[in-house]
Amino acid sequence: MSRHTSSFAFSRLALAALVCLGASQQAMAQSVPLADAENTNLWFVELTGRPVADGGSLSAVQAEKSALRAAALAAGITFVERRSYDTLFNGLAIEATSSNRERLAKLSGVRALYPVEVVNAPTPQPSDAGSAPDMALSTSLSGVKAAQNNLGLSGAGVRVAIIDSGVDFDHLAFGGSGVAGTTAFPTARVVAGWDFVGDNYNAAGSTAGELIPAPDAIPRDCAASGNSPITPTSSASGGHGTHVAGIVGANGAGLLGAAPQVSLGAYRVFGCYGSSSADIIMAAMERALADGMHVVNMSLGAARQWAQYPTAQAAARLAKKGVVVVAAAGNNGPGGSAPDALYASGAPGVGDGVISVASFDNAQRSFTVNGTPNGYSLGPGSISAPTSGSMLLGRTGTTSAAADACPPHEGMFGAGPGPVAPGCRPAVLKGAWPSFAAARAASMPSRSMPSKQARLAS
């Protein structure tokens, strides 16, 4: 395998593992009554011809759109065209009244209409009581440490698109000047991108200033400060794109990402606060493909969708063309928002061939033995691990001994610690002795462990 191919494989591993942060932070669009969904005035119009990514010709898909516009005009159907798509989707995003939408759906050449979903900005989600991110173990569990240290992979030659709130390319971790607003774009690290929305855009807003995008060529994150911590706030979308970009490819200011030598693309689809819309996210995917991105990361989505939804179709076509597409599964479903269950995952993450990633809490709680913390997740019906006090336990003796573990010593499951069996070493476990001992005594009989030889033989 060549180094470029290995780096590309590493980018798949790193992005699939580490987009979990974005997945855990993503607040998916909430459900609405059917009547409200049908009465929306923003719609995707899918045409019958194949998009360019599926083998259709550019001239053919553009001719289809021209024919639809002419047919609508002749029939007296009015709509406002927001966006047009040729490559990953053959169709339009429009604004139309319910009566015009119903008439438009009956025109020749129209395959389907889908509501343009509001996509809420990713925001931090609270952890369960007693849990905290275990950053020391995250690189090992995700495989990043092995990829970097054992395989020597860095992501060099790989282009990764971050479709999010933009990137603070002034930040020292991305080779910036360290002073907000002073680094020219594009840079040596953030090599491509586009701001689709501007600072004030909010798809769920109420004023013209919020609802009308103000795109420009500089996809600087709203929270950009040059040397600020790469951490999003709970009240703003600004900062999240930089946060994700840092996980992927930070390299400087004491920060090291999973693939520190990748080239980044910043595609800003969120303003400083609020939400975006699915038609803007679709446009960002088409732009990332045109810019030659090898990986597209989207820590976002619209919940309760199917693989036929336009952004899911677009993501699937990206994947079919060889782009590694990584998207959030969402924060809905069991443990997320009720009453979601099997169909809680969102688009574009439900697209065919998309790596849809959810968060995984590997260490909800911990207890300490001899100064070493041990993480665990509490199973259903289990007793809680001790958090205070002290007790003696029999611990494994020398490996040459016949028994691989010590037999329970006097008092081990009783009212308090007793003498330790000969040849066994005492170990201090920080814990509440009486309750812990009583629970153990009630559920586990006192017995010796089998020998190492016996266990290997079995």
Protein backbone atom coordinates (compact mmCIF):
# COMPACT_ATOMS: atom_id res chain seq x y z
CA MET A 1 0.00 0.00 0.00
CA SER A 2 1.41 3.40 -0.93
CA ARG A 3 1.78 6.13 1.66
CA HIS A 4 -0.96 8.20 0.02
CA THR A 5 -3.34 5.24 0.09
CA SER A 6 -2.41 4.49 3.69
CA SER A 7 -3.02 8.10 4.66
CA PHE A 8 -6.40 7.96 2.98
CA ALA A 9 -7.25 4.79 4.90
CA PHE A 10 -6.17 6.53 8.09
CA SER A 11 -8.47 9.44 7.31
CA ARG A 12 -11.39 7.00 7.12
CA LEU A 13 -10.46 5.54 10.50
CA ALA A 14 -9.88 8.87 12.17
CA LEU A 15 -12.98 10.57 10.83
CA ALA A 16 -15.26 7.62 11.58
CA ALA A 17 -13.97 7.40 15.13
CA LEU A 18 -13.75 11.07 15.99
CA VAL A 19 -16.88 12.46 14.39
CA CYS A 20 -18.50 10.89 17.47
CA LEU A 21 -17.89 14.20 19.22
CA GLY A 22 -19.93 16.00 16.62
CA ALA A 23 -22.54 13.28 16.74
CA SER A 24 -22.87 13.60 20.50
CA GLN A 25 -23.13 17.38 20.21
CA GLN A 26 -25.54 17.46 17.27
CA ALA A 27 -29.07 18.63 18.21
CA MET A 28 -31.25 17.21 15.47
CA ALA A 29 -34.37 18.87 14.02
CA GLN A 30 -37.41 18.08 16.13
CA SER A 31 -40.58 16.42 14.85
CA VAL A 32 -43.55 18.44 13.63
CA PRO A 33 -47.19 17.55 13.00
CA LEU A 34 -47.93 16.25 9.50
CA ALA A 35 -50.10 19.28 8.74
CA ASP A 36 -47.21 21.62 9.54
CA ALA A 37 -44.82 19.60 7.39
CA GLU A 38 -47.22 19.64 4.44
CA ASN A 39 -47.80 23.37 4.84
CA THR A 40 -44.15 24.35 4.63
CA ASN A 41 -43.33 26.65 1.72
CA LEU A 42 -39.80 25.32 1.05
CA TRP A 43 -39.48 22.21 -1.13
CA PHE A 44 -36.98 20.10 -3.01
CA VAL A 45 -38.24 19.24 -6.51
CA GLU A 46 -36.65 16.05 -7.85
CA LEU A 47 -36.72 15.54 -11.63
CA THR A 48 -36.82 12.20 -13.42
CA GLY A 49 -33.46 12.31 -15.18
CA ARG A 50 -30.23 10.99 -13.71
CA PRO A 51 -27.93 13.57 -12.08
CA VAL A 52 -24.41 13.95 -13.42
CA ALA A 53 -22.97 11.79 -10.62
CA ASP A 54 -25.13 8.89 -11.83
CA GLY A 55 -24.11 9.24 -15.46
CA GLY A 56 -26.47 11.93 -16.68
CA SER A 57 -25.04 14.63 -18.93
CA LEU A 58 -24.85 18.19 -17.66
CA SER A 59 -26.67 19.49 -20.74
CA ALA A 60 -29.50 16.99 -20.22
CA VAL A 61 -30.13 17.80 -16.56
CA GLN A 62 -30.00 21.53 -17.25
CA ALA A 63 -32.43 21.09 -20.14
CA GLU A 64 -34.84 19.29 -17.81
CA LYS A 65 -34.85 22.26 -15.45
CA SER A 66 -35.42 24.68 -18.29
CA ALA A 67 -38.36 22.57 -19.47
CA LEU A 68 -39.85 22.55 -15.96
CA ARG A 69 -39.57 26.32 -15.66
CA ALA A 70 -41.26 26.78 -19.04
CA ALA A 71 -44.03 24.33 -18.21
CA ALA A 72 -44.71 26.01 -14.87
CA LEU A 73 -44.83 29.42 -16.52
CA ALA A 74 -47.24 28.18 -19.16
CA ALA A 75 -49.49 26.66 -16.48
CA GLY A 76 -49.49 29.81 -14.37
CA ILE A 77 -47.60 28.08 -11.52
CA THR A 78 -45.41 30.50 -9.60
CA PHE A 79 -42.50 29.74 -7.30
CA VAL A 80 -39.23 31.27 -6.17
CA GLU A 81 -36.19 29.23 -7.14
CA ARG A 82 -33.70 29.13 -4.27
CA ARG A 83 -31.10 26.71 -5.66
CA SER A 84 -30.48 24.42 -8.61
CA TYR A 85 -28.58 21.10 -8.44
CA ASP A 86 -27.02 19.12 -11.28
CA THR A 87 -24.35 16.78 -9.92
CA LEU A 88 -25.42 15.00 -6.73
CA PHE A 89 -29.14 15.64 -7.22
CA ASN A 90 -31.16 16.56 -10.28
CA GLY A 91 -33.62 19.18 -9.16
CA LEU A 92 -34.37 22.48 -7.52
CA ALA A 93 -34.98 23.96 -4.10
CA ILE A 94 -37.98 26.28 -4.29
CA GLU A 95 -40.34 28.43 -2.24
CA ALA A 96 -43.99 27.96 -3.20
CA THR A 97 -47.46 28.17 -1.74
CA SER A 98 -49.26 24.91 -1.00
CA SER A 99 -51.57 25.31 -4.02
CA ASN A 100 -48.71 26.00 -6.42
CA ARG A 101 -46.70 23.14 -4.94
CA GLU A 102 -49.58 20.71 -5.53
CA ARG A 103 -49.92 21.80 -9.15
CA LEU A 104 -46.16 21.68 -9.69
CA ALA A 105 -46.01 18.08 -8.48
CA LYS A 106 -48.34 17.04 -11.32
CA LEU A 107 -46.16 18.46 -14.11
CA SER A 108 -44.40 16.08 -16.48
CA GLY A 109 -40.79 15.41 -15.51
CA VAL A 110 -41.32 15.83 -11.74
CA ARG A 111 -40.46 12.67 -9.82
CA ALA A 112 -41.04 13.79 -6.21
CA LEU A 113 -41.19 16.71 -3.81
CA TYR A 114 -39.62 16.75 -0.34
CA PRO A 115 -39.83 19.42 2.38
CA VAL A 116 -36.63 21.36 2.94
CA GLU A 117 -35.80 20.49 6.55
CA VAL A 118 -34.45 22.92 9.10
CA VAL A 119 -31.17 21.56 10.50
CA ASN A 120 -30.33 22.77 13.97
CA ALA A 121 -26.77 23.82 14.71
CA PRO A 122 -24.61 21.33 16.60
CA THR A 123 -24.41 22.21 20.29
CA PRO A 124 -22.84 20.42 23.26
CA GLN A 125 -25.01 17.79 24.93
CA PRO A 126 -24.85 17.19 28.71
CA SER A 127 -23.20 13.97 29.85
CA ASP A 128 -24.77 11.51 32.24
CA ALA A 129 -24.13 12.19 35.90
CA GLY A 130 -20.62 11.21 36.87
CA SER A 131 -19.25 10.88 33.31
CA ALA A 132 -16.49 12.85 31.70
CA PRO A 133 -14.53 12.54 28.44
CA ASP A 134 -11.49 10.30 28.83
CA MET A 135 -9.10 12.03 26.47
CA ALA A 136 -6.12 9.95 27.61
CA LEU A 137 -7.73 6.78 26.24
CA SER A 138 -9.58 8.21 23.24
CA THR A 139 -6.68 7.97 20.80
CA SER A 140 -6.09 4.33 21.73
CA LEU A 141 -9.75 3.31 21.54
CA SER A 142 -10.23 5.03 18.18
CA GLY A 143 -7.05 3.57 16.68
CA VAL A 144 -5.50 6.99 16.10
CA LYS A 145 -2.47 6.26 18.29
CA ALA A 146 -1.67 3.09 16.36
CA ALA A 147 -2.15 4.86 13.01
CA GLN A 148 0.18 7.68 13.99
CA ASN A 149 2.84 5.84 16.01
CA ASN A 150 2.89 2.34 14.51
CA LEU A 151 1.93 2.98 10.89
CA GLY A 152 3.44 6.44 10.59
CA LEU A 153 0.30 7.91 9.03
CA SER A 154 -0.34 11.63 9.15
CA GLY A 155 -3.07 12.32 6.60
CA ALA A 156 -0.62 13.97 4.20
CA GLY A 157 -2.13 14.31 0.75
CA VAL A 158 -5.72 13.90 1.99
CA ARG A 159 -8.28 16.70 1.60
CA VAL A 160 -10.99 16.77 4.28
CA ALA A 161 -14.11 18.93 3.99
CA ILE A 162 -15.72 20.23 7.18
CA ILE A 163 -19.35 21.19 6.46
CA ASP A 164 -20.23 23.10 9.61
CA SER A 165 -19.88 26.59 11.09
CA GLY A 166 -16.64 27.43 9.27
CA VAL A 167 -13.06 27.18 10.51
CA ASP A 168 -10.96 29.66 12.49
CA PHE A 169 -8.01 29.56 10.09
CA ASP A 170 -6.38 32.40 12.08
CA HIS A 171 -5.78 29.82 14.81
CA LEU A 172 -2.18 28.75 15.35
CA ALA A 173 -3.28 25.10 15.19
CA PHE A 174 -4.08 25.63 11.49
CA GLY A 175 -0.97 27.64 10.66
CA GLY A 176 -2.68 31.01 11.14
CA SER A 177 -1.22 34.23 12.48
CA GLY A 178 -2.85 33.86 15.89
CA VAL A 179 -4.62 37.21 15.46
CA ALA A 180 -8.28 37.26 14.44
CA GLY A 181 -9.02 38.48 10.94
CA THR A 182 -5.41 38.77 9.78
CA THR A 183 -4.82 35.49 7.91
CA ALA A 184 -5.51 35.54 4.18
CA PHE A 185 -7.74 32.80 2.80
CA PRO A 186 -7.05 30.21 1.46
CA THR A 187 -4.12 29.17 3.59
CA ALA A 188 -1.52 26.41 3.45
CA ARG A 189 -3.73 24.25 5.69
CA VAL A 190 -7.29 25.41 4.94
CA VAL A 191 -6.99 25.21 1.19
CA ALA A 192 -10.59 25.59 0.00
CA GLY A 193 -14.08 26.50 1.14
CA TRP A 194 -17.03 28.85 0.93
CA ASP A 195 -19.36 30.72 3.29
CA PHE A 196 -22.90 29.90 2.13
CA VAL A 197 -24.77 31.91 4.77
CA GLY A 198 -23.01 34.81 6.54
CA ASP A 199 -23.09 35.70 10.23
CA ASN A 200 -26.78 36.55 10.62
CA TYR A 201 -28.39 33.60 8.86
CA ASN A 202 -30.84 31.47 10.84
CA ALA A 203 -33.22 29.18 8.95
CA ALA A 204 -35.64 29.23 11.89
CA GLY A 205 -35.52 33.00 12.26
CA SER A 206 -38.29 35.50 11.64
CA THR A 207 -36.66 38.53 10.00
CA ALA A 208 -35.37 39.04 6.48
CA GLY A 209 -31.87 39.50 7.85
CA GLU A 210 -32.00 36.04 9.37
CA LEU A 211 -33.78 34.18 6.58
CA ILE A 212 -31.82 35.48 3.60
CA PRO A 213 -28.28 34.03 3.30
CA ALA A 214 -25.40 36.43 2.72
CA PRO A 215 -22.71 34.21 1.15
CA ASP A 216 -19.10 35.22 0.60
CA ALA A 217 -15.75 33.63 -0.21
CA ILE A 218 -14.32 33.69 3.34
CA PRO A 219 -15.58 30.77 5.51
CA ARG A 220 -14.19 32.12 8.78
CA ASP A 221 -15.86 30.67 11.88
CA CYS A 222 -18.05 33.13 13.72
CA ALA A 223 -16.20 32.41 16.97
CA ALA A 224 -12.79 33.04 15.37
CA SER A 225 -10.33 34.75 17.71
CA GLY A 226 -6.98 33.58 16.41
CA ASN A 227 -5.87 31.72 19.52
CA SER A 228 -9.09 30.88 21.37
CA PRO A 229 -9.71 27.37 22.70
CA ILE A 230 -11.22 25.09 20.05
CA THR A 231 -14.42 24.59 22.02
CA PRO A 232 -18.02 25.42 20.98
CA THR A 233 -20.39 27.18 23.31
CA SER A 234 -23.86 25.99 24.26
CA SER A 235 -25.58 29.07 22.88
CA ALA A 236 -23.93 29.51 19.50
CA SER A 237 -23.09 27.42 16.47
CA GLY A 238 -19.90 29.41 16.00
CA GLY A 239 -16.84 27.46 17.07
CA HIS A 240 -18.18 23.98 16.34
CA GLY A 241 -16.63 23.76 12.87
CA THR A 242 -13.26 24.81 14.29
CA HIS A 243 -13.70 22.27 17.09
CA VAL A 244 -14.28 19.45 14.58
CA ALA A 245 -11.45 20.64 12.31
CA GLY A 246 -9.14 20.57 15.32
CA ILE A 247 -10.02 16.96 16.10
CA VAL A 248 -9.31 16.07 12.48
CA GLY A 249 -6.19 18.05 11.70
CA ALA A 250 -4.92 20.47 14.36
CA ASN A 251 -1.13 20.84 14.32
CA GLY A 252 0.23 23.64 16.46
CA ALA A 253 -0.26 25.62 19.67
CA GLY A 254 0.13 22.40 21.65
CA LEU A 255 -2.70 20.68 19.75
CA LEU A 256 -2.41 17.59 17.57
CA GLY A 257 -5.34 16.22 15.59
CA ALA A 258 -5.95 12.71 14.34
CA ALA A 259 -4.44 13.50 10.94
CA PRO A 260 -2.24 16.57 11.50
CA GLN A 261 -1.06 16.94 7.89
CA VAL A 262 -4.41 16.85 6.09
CA SER A 263 -5.51 19.74 3.92
CA LEU A 264 -8.85 21.13 5.09
CA GLY A 265 -11.86 22.54 3.26
CA ALA A 266 -14.16 24.83 5.24
CA TYR A 267 -17.79 24.98 4.09
CA ARG A 268 -19.82 27.25 6.32
CA VAL A 269 -23.54 26.42 6.49
CA PHE A 270 -24.37 27.91 9.92
CA GLY A 271 -24.46 31.53 10.98
CA CYS A 272 -23.38 32.67 14.42
CA TYR A 273 -26.58 31.38 16.04
CA GLY A 274 -29.50 29.19 15.12
CA SER A 275 -29.95 26.75 12.28
CA SER A 276 -29.38 26.01 8.63
CA SER A 277 -31.51 24.29 5.98
CA ALA A 278 -31.09 21.10 3.99
CA ASP A 279 -30.87 22.89 0.63
CA ILE A 280 -27.79 24.81 1.80
CA ILE A 281 -26.15 21.62 3.08
CA MET A 282 -26.79 19.99 -0.32
CA ALA A 283 -25.06 22.92 -2.03
CA ALA A 284 -22.07 22.52 0.30
CA MET A 285 -21.76 18.84 -0.63
CA GLU A 286 -21.72 19.69 -4.34
CA ARG A 287 -19.08 22.36 -3.72
CA ALA A 288 -16.89 19.95 -1.71
CA LEU A 289 -16.99 17.44 -4.58
CA ALA A 290 -16.07 20.15 -7.09
CA ASP A 291 -13.12 21.17 -4.87
CA GLY A 292 -11.69 17.65 -4.95
CA MET A 293 -12.27 16.69 -1.31
CA HIS A 294 -11.45 13.07 -0.42
CA VAL A 295 -13.39 13.07 2.87
CA VAL A 296 -16.55 14.99 3.78
CA ASN A 297 -17.42 15.37 7.46
CA MET A 298 -20.91 16.51 8.51
CA SER A 299 -21.63 16.56 12.24
CA LEU A 300 -25.24 17.50 11.51
CA GLY A 301 -28.48 16.19 10.11
CA ALA A 302 -32.27 16.21 9.98
CA ALA A 303 -33.76 13.49 12.17
CA ARG A 304 -36.32 10.82 11.22
CA GLN A 305 -35.48 10.68 7.55
CA TRP A 306 -35.13 7.99 4.93
CA ALA A 307 -32.41 7.16 2.42
CA GLN A 308 -34.55 8.75 -0.32
CA TYR A 309 -34.33 12.23 1.25
CA PRO A 310 -32.34 14.56 -1.06
CA THR A 311 -29.36 15.13 1.25
CA ALA A 312 -29.13 11.38 1.87
CA GLN A 313 -29.25 10.75 -1.88
CA ALA A 314 -26.51 13.33 -2.41
CA ALA A 315 -24.34 11.82 0.33
CA ALA A 316 -24.79 8.35 -1.17
CA ARG A 317 -23.68 9.61 -4.58
CA LEU A 318 -20.64 11.24 -2.99
CA ALA A 319 -19.73 7.89 -1.45
CA LYS A 320 -20.31 6.10 -4.76
CA LYS A 321 -17.80 8.44 -6.39
CA GLY A 322 -15.16 7.37 -3.87
CA VAL A 323 -15.50 10.18 -1.34
CA VAL A 324 -15.48 9.04 2.29
CA VAL A 325 -18.66 10.58 3.75
CA VAL A 326 -18.94 10.70 7.54
CA ALA A 327 -22.13 12.08 9.11
CA ALA A 328 -23.80 12.19 12.50
CA ALA A 329 -26.40 9.58 13.33
CA GLY A 330 -27.94 12.18 15.65
CA ASN A 331 -29.00 12.61 19.24
CA ASN A 332 -32.46 11.15 18.85
CA GLY A 333 -33.66 7.68 19.75
CA PRO A 334 -33.30 5.72 23.00
CA GLY A 335 -31.33 7.83 25.40
CA GLY A 336 -32.01 10.87 23.22
CA SER A 337 -35.27 12.64 22.58
CA ALA A 338 -38.55 10.74 23.08
CA PRO A 339 -40.46 9.12 21.47
CA ASP A 340 -37.90 8.18 18.79
CA ALA A 341 -36.81 4.59 18.39
CA LEU A 342 -35.79 2.62 15.29
CA TYR A 343 -36.25 5.44 12.80
CA ALA A 344 -34.53 8.25 14.69
CA SER A 345 -31.38 8.47 12.53
CA GLY A 346 -31.16 11.50 10.32
CA ALA A 347 -30.18 12.53 6.81
CA PRO A 348 -27.58 12.72 5.33
CA GLY A 349 -26.33 9.99 7.69
CA VAL A 350 -28.90 7.44 6.47
CA GLY A 351 -27.56 7.59 2.92
CA ASP A 352 -26.30 4.38 1.33
CA GLY A 353 -22.54 4.02 1.82
CA VAL A 354 -22.34 6.85 4.37
CA ILE A 355 -20.45 6.24 7.61
CA SER A 356 -23.14 7.21 10.13
CA VAL A 357 -21.55 7.70 13.54
CA ALA A 358 -23.08 7.94 17.01
CA SER A 359 -21.37 8.83 20.26
CA PHE A 360 -20.00 6.11 22.52
CA ASP A 361 -19.47 6.63 26.24
CA ASN A 362 -16.67 4.27 27.15
CA ALA A 363 -16.13 5.39 30.74
CA GLN A 364 -19.22 6.65 32.47
CA ARG A 365 -17.81 6.23 35.99
CA SER A 366 -14.55 5.21 37.60
CA PHE A 367 -13.08 3.86 40.84
CA THR A 368 -9.48 4.04 41.97
CA VAL A 369 -7.15 1.23 43.02
CA ASN A 370 -3.66 2.13 44.25
CA GLY A 371 -3.99 5.56 42.68
CA THR A 372 -5.06 4.24 39.26
CA PRO A 373 -8.55 5.19 38.02
CA ASN A 374 -10.56 2.38 36.40
CA GLY A 375 -13.43 3.39 34.11
CA TYR A 376 -16.62 1.39 33.76
CA SER A 377 -20.25 1.70 32.74
CA LEU A 378 -22.85 0.50 35.23
CA GLY A 379 -24.84 -2.46 33.92
CA PRO A 380 -28.59 -2.90 34.55
CA GLY A 381 -29.20 -4.29 38.04
CA SER A 382 -25.57 -3.89 39.08
CA ILE A 383 -24.47 -2.42 42.36
CA SER A 384 -22.51 0.80 42.25
CA ALA A 385 -18.77 0.61 42.67
CA PRO A 386 -17.38 1.97 45.96
CA THR A 387 -16.40 5.60 46.05
CA SER A 388 -15.10 6.04 49.61
CA GLY A 389 -13.59 4.12 52.56
CA SER A 390 -11.02 1.31 52.34
CA MET A 391 -10.82 -2.48 52.40
CA LEU A 392 -8.35 -5.31 51.80
CA LEU A 393 -8.65 -7.68 48.87
CA GLY A 394 -6.60 -10.72 47.89
CA ARG A 395 -4.65 -9.90 44.76
CA THR A 396 -2.88 -12.14 42.23
CA GLY A 397 0.40 -13.54 43.52
CA THR A 398 3.48 -14.53 41.54
CA THR A 399 2.82 -15.92 38.08
CA SER A 400 4.82 -19.08 38.89
CA ALA A 401 2.37 -20.07 41.62
CA ALA A 402 -0.01 -22.95 40.92
CA ALA A 403 -3.02 -20.77 41.57
CA ASP A 404 -3.42 -17.79 39.28
CA ALA A 405 -5.37 -15.87 41.90
CA CYS A 406 -5.54 -15.90 45.67
CA PRO A 407 -8.35 -17.66 47.53
CA PRO A 408 -10.66 -15.36 49.46
CA HIS A 409 -9.08 -14.48 52.78
CA GLU A 410 -10.80 -14.31 56.14
CA GLY A 411 -13.18 -11.41 56.25
CA MET A 412 -13.11 -10.81 52.49
CA PHE A 413 -16.87 -11.15 52.26
CA GLY A 414 -17.54 -10.55 55.94
CA ALA A 415 -17.91 -7.59 58.18
CA GLY A 416 -14.38 -6.32 57.68
CA PRO A 417 -10.87 -7.13 56.49
CA GLY A 418 -9.12 -10.19 57.91
CA PRO A 419 -5.74 -11.89 57.53
CA VAL A 420 -4.36 -12.27 54.03
CA ALA A 421 -3.60 -15.81 52.82
CA PRO A 422 0.11 -16.74 52.72
CA GLY A 423 1.84 -15.68 49.51
CA CYS A 424 -0.86 -13.20 48.59
CA ARG A 425 -0.42 -9.46 48.54
CA PRO A 426 -2.92 -7.09 50.12
CA ALA A 427 -4.34 -4.35 47.92
CA VAL A 428 -6.23 -1.32 49.09
CA LEU A 429 -9.43 -0.53 47.23
CA LYS A 430 -11.02 2.82 47.92
CA GLY A 431 -14.61 2.00 48.67
CA ALA A 432 -17.44 1.93 51.14
CA TRP A 433 -16.60 -1.37 52.85
CA PRO A 434 -19.79 -2.43 54.66
CA SER A 435 -22.25 -1.91 51.75
CA PHE A 436 -19.83 -3.27 49.19
CA ALA A 437 -19.04 -6.36 51.27
CA ALA A 438 -22.68 -7.07 52.03
CA ALA A 439 -23.63 -6.86 48.35
CA ARG A 440 -20.78 -9.13 47.35
CA ALA A 441 -21.64 -11.64 50.07
CA ALA A 442 -25.26 -11.75 48.95
CA SER A 443 -24.48 -12.34 45.28
CA MET A 444 -21.18 -14.22 45.04
CA PRO A 445 -20.13 -17.42 46.87
CA SER A 446 -16.63 -17.54 48.33
CA ARG A 447 -14.44 -19.76 46.15
CA SER A 448 -10.93 -20.09 44.77
CA MET A 449 -10.10 -19.10 41.21
CA PRO A 450 -9.08 -21.94 38.87
CA SER A 451 -5.42 -22.28 38.07
CA LYS A 452 -3.97 -20.68 34.95
CA GLN A 453 -3.26 -24.11 33.50
CA ALA A 454 -6.82 -25.28 34.06
CA ARG A 455 -8.27 -22.19 32.40
CA LEU A 456 -5.98 -22.52 29.39
CA ALA A 457 -6.89 -26.20 29.04
CA SER A 458 -10.59 -25.41 29.05
